[in-house]
């Protein structure tokens, strides 16, 4: 089973978030301590998030715990930047960032 990971950035620092399926743990790898602490706190806390359904007006508020699954983590990641300033770089190749965690 391969872990989910995605690139992140904060104030000129590159890194990544990883979800370990075996331990159900969210791991933040980021060179900036402030950004790392903000992301770790946000990504290990359950959040009430309005989830869309059939139409653009059909939402229900659901408690999403990012530690329970990679899918839950992905939902919470969509709120990371607004809450913390840590940007999720969905299109940046995460394998490249892991080898070269700098600009």
C-alpha atoms as a PDB file:
ATOM      1  CA  UNK A   1       0.000   0.000   0.000  1.00  0.00           C
ATOM      2  CA  UNK A   2       1.504   3.314  -1.094  1.00  0.00           C
ATOM      3  CA  UNK A   3       1.167   6.362   1.136  1.00  0.00           C
ATOM      4  CA  UNK A   4      -0.574   9.478  -0.163  1.00  0.00           C
ATOM      5  CA  UNK A   5       1.618  12.587  -0.337  1.00  0.00           C
ATOM      6  CA  UNK A   6       1.307  16.084  -1.775  1.00  0.00           C
ATOM      7  CA  UNK A   7       3.698  19.037  -2.063  1.00  0.00           C
ATOM      8  CA  UNK A   8       3.240  22.124   0.126  1.00  0.00           C
ATOM      9  CA  UNK A   9       4.934  25.505   0.413  1.00  0.00           C
ATOM     10  CA  UNK A  10       5.143  28.264   3.015  1.00  0.00           C
ATOM     11  CA  UNK A  11       7.066  31.558   2.862  1.00  0.00           C
ATOM     12  CA  UNK A  12       9.667  30.290   0.384  1.00  0.00           C
ATOM     13  CA  UNK A  13       9.979  26.812   1.909  1.00  0.00           C
ATOM     14  CA  UNK A  14       8.962  23.669   0.030  1.00  0.00           C
ATOM     15  CA  UNK A  15       7.869  20.456   1.653  1.00  0.00           C
ATOM     16  CA  UNK A  16       5.181  17.805   1.621  1.00  0.00           C
ATOM     17  CA  UNK A  17       2.398  16.245   3.626  1.00  0.00           C
ATOM     18  CA  UNK A  18       2.213  12.482   3.789  1.00  0.00           C
ATOM     19  CA  UNK A  19      -0.495  10.146   5.056  1.00  0.00           C
ATOM     20  CA  UNK A  20       0.736   6.801   6.386  1.00  0.00           C
ATOM     21  CA  UNK A  21      -2.058   4.295   5.745  1.00  0.00           C
ATOM     22  CA  UNK A  22      -0.589   1.697   8.130  1.00  0.00           C
ATOM     23  CA  UNK A  23      -0.424   3.980  11.176  1.00  0.00           C
ATOM     24  CA  UNK A  24      -3.187   6.419  10.108  1.00  0.00           C
ATOM     25  CA  UNK A  25      -0.817   9.282  10.780  1.00  0.00           C
ATOM     26  CA  UNK A  26      -0.399  12.635   9.023  1.00  0.00           C
ATOM     27  CA  UNK A  27       3.258  13.659   8.631  1.00  0.00           C
ATOM     28  CA  UNK A  28       4.282  17.216   7.701  1.00  0.00           C
ATOM     29  CA  UNK A  29       7.771  17.687   6.215  1.00  0.00           C
ATOM     30  CA  UNK A  30       8.568  21.387   5.887  1.00  0.00           C
ATOM     31  CA  UNK A  31      11.758  23.357   6.525  1.00  0.00           C
ATOM     32  CA  UNK A  32       9.916  26.337   8.003  1.00  0.00           C
ATOM     33  CA  UNK A  33       9.101  25.650  11.681  1.00  0.00           C
ATOM     34  CA  UNK A  34       6.193  28.100  11.816  1.00  0.00           C
ATOM     35  CA  UNK A  35       4.535  26.590   8.729  1.00  0.00           C
ATOM     36  CA  UNK A  36       5.187  23.060   9.947  1.00  0.00           C
ATOM     37  CA  UNK A  37       3.548  23.729  13.329  1.00  0.00           C
ATOM     38  CA  UNK A  38       0.548  25.441  11.731  1.00  0.00           C
ATOM     39  CA  UNK A  39       0.054  22.605   9.239  1.00  0.00           C
ATOM     40  CA  UNK A  40       0.534  19.853  11.839  1.00  0.00           C
ATOM     41  CA  UNK A  41      -2.027  21.392  14.176  1.00  0.00           C
ATOM     42  CA  UNK A  42      -4.589  21.949  11.413  1.00  0.00           C
ATOM     43  CA  UNK A  43      -4.085  18.556   9.769  1.00  0.00           C
ATOM     44  CA  UNK A  44      -4.389  16.548  12.982  1.00  0.00           C
ATOM     45  CA  UNK A  45      -7.578  18.215  14.215  1.00  0.00           C
ATOM     46  CA  UNK A  46     -11.110  17.203  13.146  1.00  0.00           C
ATOM     47  CA  UNK A  47     -13.041  19.947  11.311  1.00  0.00           C
ATOM     48  CA  UNK A  48     -16.678  20.559  10.479  1.00  0.00           C
ATOM     49  CA  UNK A  49     -16.745  21.024   6.700  1.00  0.00           C
ATOM     50  CA  UNK A  50     -19.706  21.538   4.397  1.00  0.00           C
ATOM     51  CA  UNK A  51     -19.610  18.675   1.887  1.00  0.00           C
ATOM     52  CA  UNK A  52     -21.378  19.085  -1.501  1.00  0.00           C
ATOM     53  CA  UNK A  53     -23.861  16.521  -2.802  1.00  0.00           C
ATOM     54  CA  UNK A  54     -26.277  16.510  -5.746  1.00  0.00           C
ATOM     55  CA  UNK A  55     -26.495  20.221  -6.592  1.00  0.00           C
ATOM     56  CA  UNK A  56     -24.537  23.425  -6.027  1.00  0.00           C
ATOM     57  CA  UNK A  57     -26.901  24.246  -3.163  1.00  0.00           C
ATOM     58  CA  UNK A  58     -26.948  20.796  -1.549  1.00  0.00           C
ATOM     59  CA  UNK A  59     -24.402  20.750   1.289  1.00  0.00           C
ATOM     60  CA  UNK A  60     -24.290  19.051   4.659  1.00  0.00           C
ATOM     61  CA  UNK A  61     -21.924  19.894   7.481  1.00  0.00           C
ATOM     62  CA  UNK A  62     -19.848  16.831   8.370  1.00  0.00           C
ATOM     63  CA  UNK A  63     -17.113  16.271  10.929  1.00  0.00           C
ATOM     64  CA  UNK A  64     -13.998  15.260   9.007  1.00  0.00           C
ATOM     65  CA  UNK A  65     -11.073  13.727  10.890  1.00  0.00           C
ATOM     66  CA  UNK A  66      -7.980  13.916   8.629  1.00  0.00           C
ATOM     67  CA  UNK A  67      -6.299  11.098  10.551  1.00  0.00           C
ATOM     68  CA  UNK A  68      -8.905   8.476   9.608  1.00  0.00           C
ATOM     69  CA  UNK A  69      -8.142   8.163   5.877  1.00  0.00           C
ATOM     70  CA  UNK A  70      -6.282   9.673   2.939  1.00  0.00           C
ATOM     71  CA  UNK A  71      -9.640  10.786   1.486  1.00  0.00           C
ATOM     72  CA  UNK A  72     -10.462  12.678   4.689  1.00  0.00           C
ATOM     73  CA  UNK A  73      -7.004  14.278   4.651  1.00  0.00           C
ATOM     74  CA  UNK A  74      -7.547  15.427   1.055  1.00  0.00           C
ATOM     75  CA  UNK A  75     -10.781  17.171   2.051  1.00  0.00           C
ATOM     76  CA  UNK A  76      -9.101  18.962   4.973  1.00  0.00           C
ATOM     77  CA  UNK A  77      -6.146  19.921   2.745  1.00  0.00           C
ATOM     78  CA  UNK A  78      -8.561  22.003   0.647  1.00  0.00           C
ATOM     79  CA  UNK A  79      -8.950  24.292   3.691  1.00  0.00           C
ATOM     80  CA  UNK A  80      -5.274  24.420   4.732  1.00  0.00           C
ATOM     81  CA  UNK A  81      -4.172  27.562   2.891  1.00  0.00           C
ATOM     82  CA  UNK A  82      -7.036  29.759   4.074  1.00  0.00           C
ATOM     83  CA  UNK A  83      -6.598  28.655   7.700  1.00  0.00           C
ATOM     84  CA  UNK A  84      -2.784  28.677   7.933  1.00  0.00           C
ATOM     85  CA  UNK A  85      -1.155  30.273   4.890  1.00  0.00           C
ATOM     86  CA  UNK A  86       0.427  26.917   4.000  1.00  0.00           C
ATOM     87  CA  UNK A  87      -0.222  26.358   0.288  1.00  0.00           C
ATOM     88  CA  UNK A  88      -0.986  22.898  -1.099  1.00  0.00           C
ATOM     89  CA  UNK A  89       0.864  22.545  -4.419  1.00  0.00           C
ATOM     90  CA  UNK A  90      -1.469  19.950  -5.955  1.00  0.00           C
ATOM     91  CA  UNK A  91       0.236  20.115  -9.367  1.00  0.00           C
ATOM     92  CA  UNK A  92       3.860  20.195  -8.181  1.00  0.00           C
ATOM     93  CA  UNK A  93       5.513  16.756  -8.538  1.00  0.00           C
ATOM     94  CA  UNK A  94       5.907  15.626  -4.921  1.00  0.00           C
ATOM     95  CA  UNK A  95       8.680  13.148  -5.763  1.00  0.00           C
ATOM     96  CA  UNK A  96      10.786  16.046  -7.078  1.00  0.00           C
ATOM     97  CA  UNK A  97      10.106  18.079  -3.910  1.00  0.00           C
ATOM     98  CA  UNK A  98      11.185  15.131  -1.753  1.00  0.00           C
ATOM     99  CA  UNK A  99      14.534  15.074  -3.586  1.00  0.00           C
ATOM    100  CA  UNK A 100      14.910  18.880  -3.797  1.00  0.00           C
ATOM    101  CA  UNK A 101      12.966  20.557  -0.939  1.00  0.00           C
ATOM    102  CA  UNK A 102      13.933  24.105  -1.970  1.00  0.00           C
ATOM    103  CA  UNK A 103      13.271  26.601  -4.761  1.00  0.00           C
END
